[in-house]
Amino acid sequence: MKTSQIVAKVVVRLFFFLLLIATVPYITGNNAKLQNFNFVIRQKWTLVFPAILLGGFISLLVLCTIKKYKEIDLNWLLVINTLVLMAYGLAIFIKVYQAVGGAA
């Protein structure tokens, strides 16, 4: 039980740390390339899956926090959900980075 608590807390803190790092260009104002970037969504229904992923993360985080990370199954579900959310964020970062010409 202790392992799932530690892993869940570490993964969630890592996610929030990466989210904080991602906001640095907006806070410091170094986003000149991103001001000309247009995000076009061709099919609106594709936003359902990220919304479900984000909603699952929030609900699992709230449940684990309320139960003080004592439920092993919820802890592992939170870990898996957070890792998939981080992978999704990384995929979006790579796509946006290529689109603004960062790979040039």
C-alpha atoms as a PDB file:
ATOM      1  CA  MET A   1       0.000   0.000   0.000  1.00  0.00           C
ATOM      2  CA  LYS A   2       2.841   2.369   0.742  1.00  0.00           C
ATOM      3  CA  THR A   3       4.269   1.934  -2.761  1.00  0.00           C
ATOM      4  CA  SER A   4       1.072   3.029  -4.491  1.00  0.00           C
ATOM      5  CA  GLN A   5       0.839   6.102  -2.251  1.00  0.00           C
ATOM      6  CA  ILE A   6       4.391   7.173  -3.009  1.00  0.00           C
ATOM      7  CA  VAL A   7       4.126   6.540  -6.744  1.00  0.00           C
ATOM      8  CA  ALA A   8       0.791   8.384  -7.001  1.00  0.00           C
ATOM      9  CA  LYS A   9       2.100  11.424  -5.150  1.00  0.00           C
ATOM     10  CA  VAL A  10       5.333  11.532  -7.159  1.00  0.00           C
ATOM     11  CA  VAL A  11       3.577  11.228 -10.523  1.00  0.00           C
ATOM     12  CA  VAL A  12       0.990  13.898  -9.669  1.00  0.00           C
ATOM     13  CA  ARG A  13       3.679  16.281  -8.416  1.00  0.00           C
ATOM     14  CA  LEU A  14       5.727  15.633 -11.553  1.00  0.00           C
ATOM     15  CA  PHE A  15       2.674  16.415 -13.691  1.00  0.00           C
ATOM     16  CA  PHE A  16       2.066  19.705 -11.896  1.00  0.00           C
ATOM     17  CA  PHE A  17       5.776  20.575 -12.146  1.00  0.00           C
ATOM     18  CA  LEU A  18       5.731  19.941 -15.907  1.00  0.00           C
ATOM     19  CA  LEU A  19       2.553  22.005 -16.185  1.00  0.00           C
ATOM     20  CA  LEU A  20       4.303  24.845 -14.341  1.00  0.00           C
ATOM     21  CA  ILE A  21       7.300  24.633 -16.667  1.00  0.00           C
ATOM     22  CA  ALA A  22       4.961  24.747 -19.681  1.00  0.00           C
ATOM     23  CA  THR A  23       3.524  28.070 -18.515  1.00  0.00           C
ATOM     24  CA  VAL A  24       6.936  29.789 -18.244  1.00  0.00           C
ATOM     25  CA  PRO A  25       6.887  31.220 -21.812  1.00  0.00           C
ATOM     26  CA  TYR A  26       3.519  32.824 -21.113  1.00  0.00           C
ATOM     27  CA  ILE A  27       4.607  34.262 -17.778  1.00  0.00           C
ATOM     28  CA  THR A  28       7.905  35.678 -19.039  1.00  0.00           C
ATOM     29  CA  GLY A  29       6.484  36.915 -22.349  1.00  0.00           C
ATOM     30  CA  ASN A  30       8.805  34.829 -24.571  1.00  0.00           C
ATOM     31  CA  ASN A  31       5.990  33.592 -26.776  1.00  0.00           C
ATOM     32  CA  ALA A  32       6.497  35.643 -29.947  1.00  0.00           C
ATOM     33  CA  LYS A  33       6.332  32.540 -32.152  1.00  0.00           C
ATOM     34  CA  LEU A  34       3.155  31.334 -30.478  1.00  0.00           C
ATOM     35  CA  GLN A  35       1.264  34.582 -31.123  1.00  0.00           C
ATOM     36  CA  ASN A  36       1.036  33.756 -34.843  1.00  0.00           C
ATOM     37  CA  PHE A  37       0.070  30.129 -34.235  1.00  0.00           C
ATOM     38  CA  ASN A  38      -3.526  29.229 -35.096  1.00  0.00           C
ATOM     39  CA  PHE A  39      -5.043  26.098 -33.641  1.00  0.00           C
ATOM     40  CA  VAL A  40      -7.631  24.691 -36.061  1.00  0.00           C
ATOM     41  CA  ILE A  41      -9.819  21.769 -35.039  1.00  0.00           C
ATOM     42  CA  ARG A  42     -11.405  20.103 -38.023  1.00  0.00           C
ATOM     43  CA  GLN A  43     -13.633  17.705 -36.111  1.00  0.00           C
ATOM     44  CA  LYS A  44     -14.996  18.982 -32.812  1.00  0.00           C
ATOM     45  CA  TRP A  45     -15.868  15.530 -31.477  1.00  0.00           C
ATOM     46  CA  THR A  46     -12.137  14.725 -31.160  1.00  0.00           C
ATOM     47  CA  LEU A  47     -12.058  17.056 -28.145  1.00  0.00           C
ATOM     48  CA  VAL A  48     -14.237  14.586 -26.237  1.00  0.00           C
ATOM     49  CA  PHE A  49     -11.357  12.221 -25.519  1.00  0.00           C
ATOM     50  CA  PRO A  50      -8.992  14.796 -23.972  1.00  0.00           C
ATOM     51  CA  ALA A  51     -11.935  16.134 -21.961  1.00  0.00           C
ATOM     52  CA  ILE A  52     -12.653  12.653 -20.599  1.00  0.00           C
ATOM     53  CA  LEU A  53      -8.964  12.207 -19.771  1.00  0.00           C
ATOM     54  CA  LEU A  54      -8.774  15.546 -17.970  1.00  0.00           C
ATOM     55  CA  GLY A  55     -12.070  14.956 -16.165  1.00  0.00           C
ATOM     56  CA  GLY A  56     -10.855  11.532 -15.059  1.00  0.00           C
ATOM     57  CA  PHE A  57      -7.638  13.041 -13.744  1.00  0.00           C
ATOM     58  CA  ILE A  58      -9.472  15.691 -11.747  1.00  0.00           C
ATOM     59  CA  SER A  59     -11.982  13.240 -10.295  1.00  0.00           C
ATOM     60  CA  LEU A  60      -9.321  10.666  -9.397  1.00  0.00           C
ATOM     61  CA  LEU A  61      -7.142  13.361  -7.837  1.00  0.00           C
ATOM     62  CA  VAL A  62     -10.050  14.607  -5.730  1.00  0.00           C
ATOM     63  CA  LEU A  63     -11.018  11.059  -4.689  1.00  0.00           C
ATOM     64  CA  CYS A  64      -7.452  10.121  -3.774  1.00  0.00           C
ATOM     65  CA  THR A  65      -6.994  13.339  -1.830  1.00  0.00           C
ATOM     66  CA  ILE A  66     -10.236  12.874   0.094  1.00  0.00           C
ATOM     67  CA  LYS A  67      -9.333   9.273   0.964  1.00  0.00           C
ATOM     68  CA  LYS A  68      -5.734  10.330   1.755  1.00  0.00           C
ATOM     69  CA  TYR A  69      -4.264   7.931  -0.830  1.00  0.00           C
ATOM     70  CA  LYS A  70      -5.395   4.872   1.195  1.00  0.00           C
ATOM     71  CA  GLU A  71      -7.219   3.128  -1.696  1.00  0.00           C
ATOM     72  CA  ILE A  72      -4.667   1.123  -3.688  1.00  0.00           C
ATOM     73  CA  ASP A  73      -6.843   0.767  -6.798  1.00  0.00           C
ATOM     74  CA  LEU A  74      -7.579   4.492  -6.981  1.00  0.00           C
ATOM     75  CA  ASN A  75      -3.892   5.288  -6.563  1.00  0.00           C
ATOM     76  CA  TRP A  76      -2.886   3.089  -9.495  1.00  0.00           C
ATOM     77  CA  LEU A  77      -5.721   4.424 -11.630  1.00  0.00           C
ATOM     78  CA  LEU A  78      -4.504   7.946 -10.868  1.00  0.00           C
ATOM     79  CA  VAL A  79      -0.951   6.969 -11.827  1.00  0.00           C
ATOM     80  CA  ILE A  80      -2.035   5.460 -15.144  1.00  0.00           C
ATOM     81  CA  ASN A  81      -4.335   8.375 -15.937  1.00  0.00           C
ATOM     82  CA  THR A  82      -1.620  10.920 -15.127  1.00  0.00           C
ATOM     83  CA  LEU A  83       0.974   9.116 -17.239  1.00  0.00           C
ATOM     84  CA  VAL A  84      -1.406   8.999 -20.211  1.00  0.00           C
ATOM     85  CA  LEU A  85      -2.216  12.680 -19.671  1.00  0.00           C
ATOM     86  CA  MET A  86       1.512  13.514 -19.642  1.00  0.00           C
ATOM     87  CA  ALA A  87       2.039  11.518 -22.839  1.00  0.00           C
ATOM     88  CA  TYR A  88      -0.866  13.358 -24.469  1.00  0.00           C
ATOM     89  CA  GLY A  89       0.574  16.713 -23.391  1.00  0.00           C
ATOM     90  CA  LEU A  90       3.976  15.725 -24.754  1.00  0.00           C
ATOM     91  CA  ALA A  91       2.408  14.793 -28.090  1.00  0.00           C
ATOM     92  CA  ILE A  92       0.670  18.162 -28.291  1.00  0.00           C
ATOM     93  CA  PHE A  93       3.910  19.936 -27.341  1.00  0.00           C
ATOM     94  CA  ILE A  94       5.823  18.155 -30.104  1.00  0.00           C
ATOM     95  CA  LYS A  95       3.126  18.956 -32.675  1.00  0.00           C
ATOM     96  CA  VAL A  96       2.983  22.637 -31.711  1.00  0.00           C
ATOM     97  CA  TYR A  97       6.778  22.888 -31.571  1.00  0.00           C
ATOM     98  CA  GLN A  98       7.011  21.555 -35.128  1.00  0.00           C
ATOM     99  CA  ALA A  99       4.244  23.862 -36.324  1.00  0.00           C
ATOM    100  CA  VAL A 100       5.835  27.079 -35.027  1.00  0.00           C
ATOM    101  CA  GLY A 101       9.156  26.198 -36.618  1.00  0.00           C
ATOM    102  CA  GLY A 102      11.060  25.279 -33.501  1.00  0.00           C
ATOM    103  CA  ALA A 103      12.654  22.276 -35.201  1.00  0.00           C
ATOM    104  CA  ALA A 104      14.245  24.439 -37.920  1.00  0.00           C
END
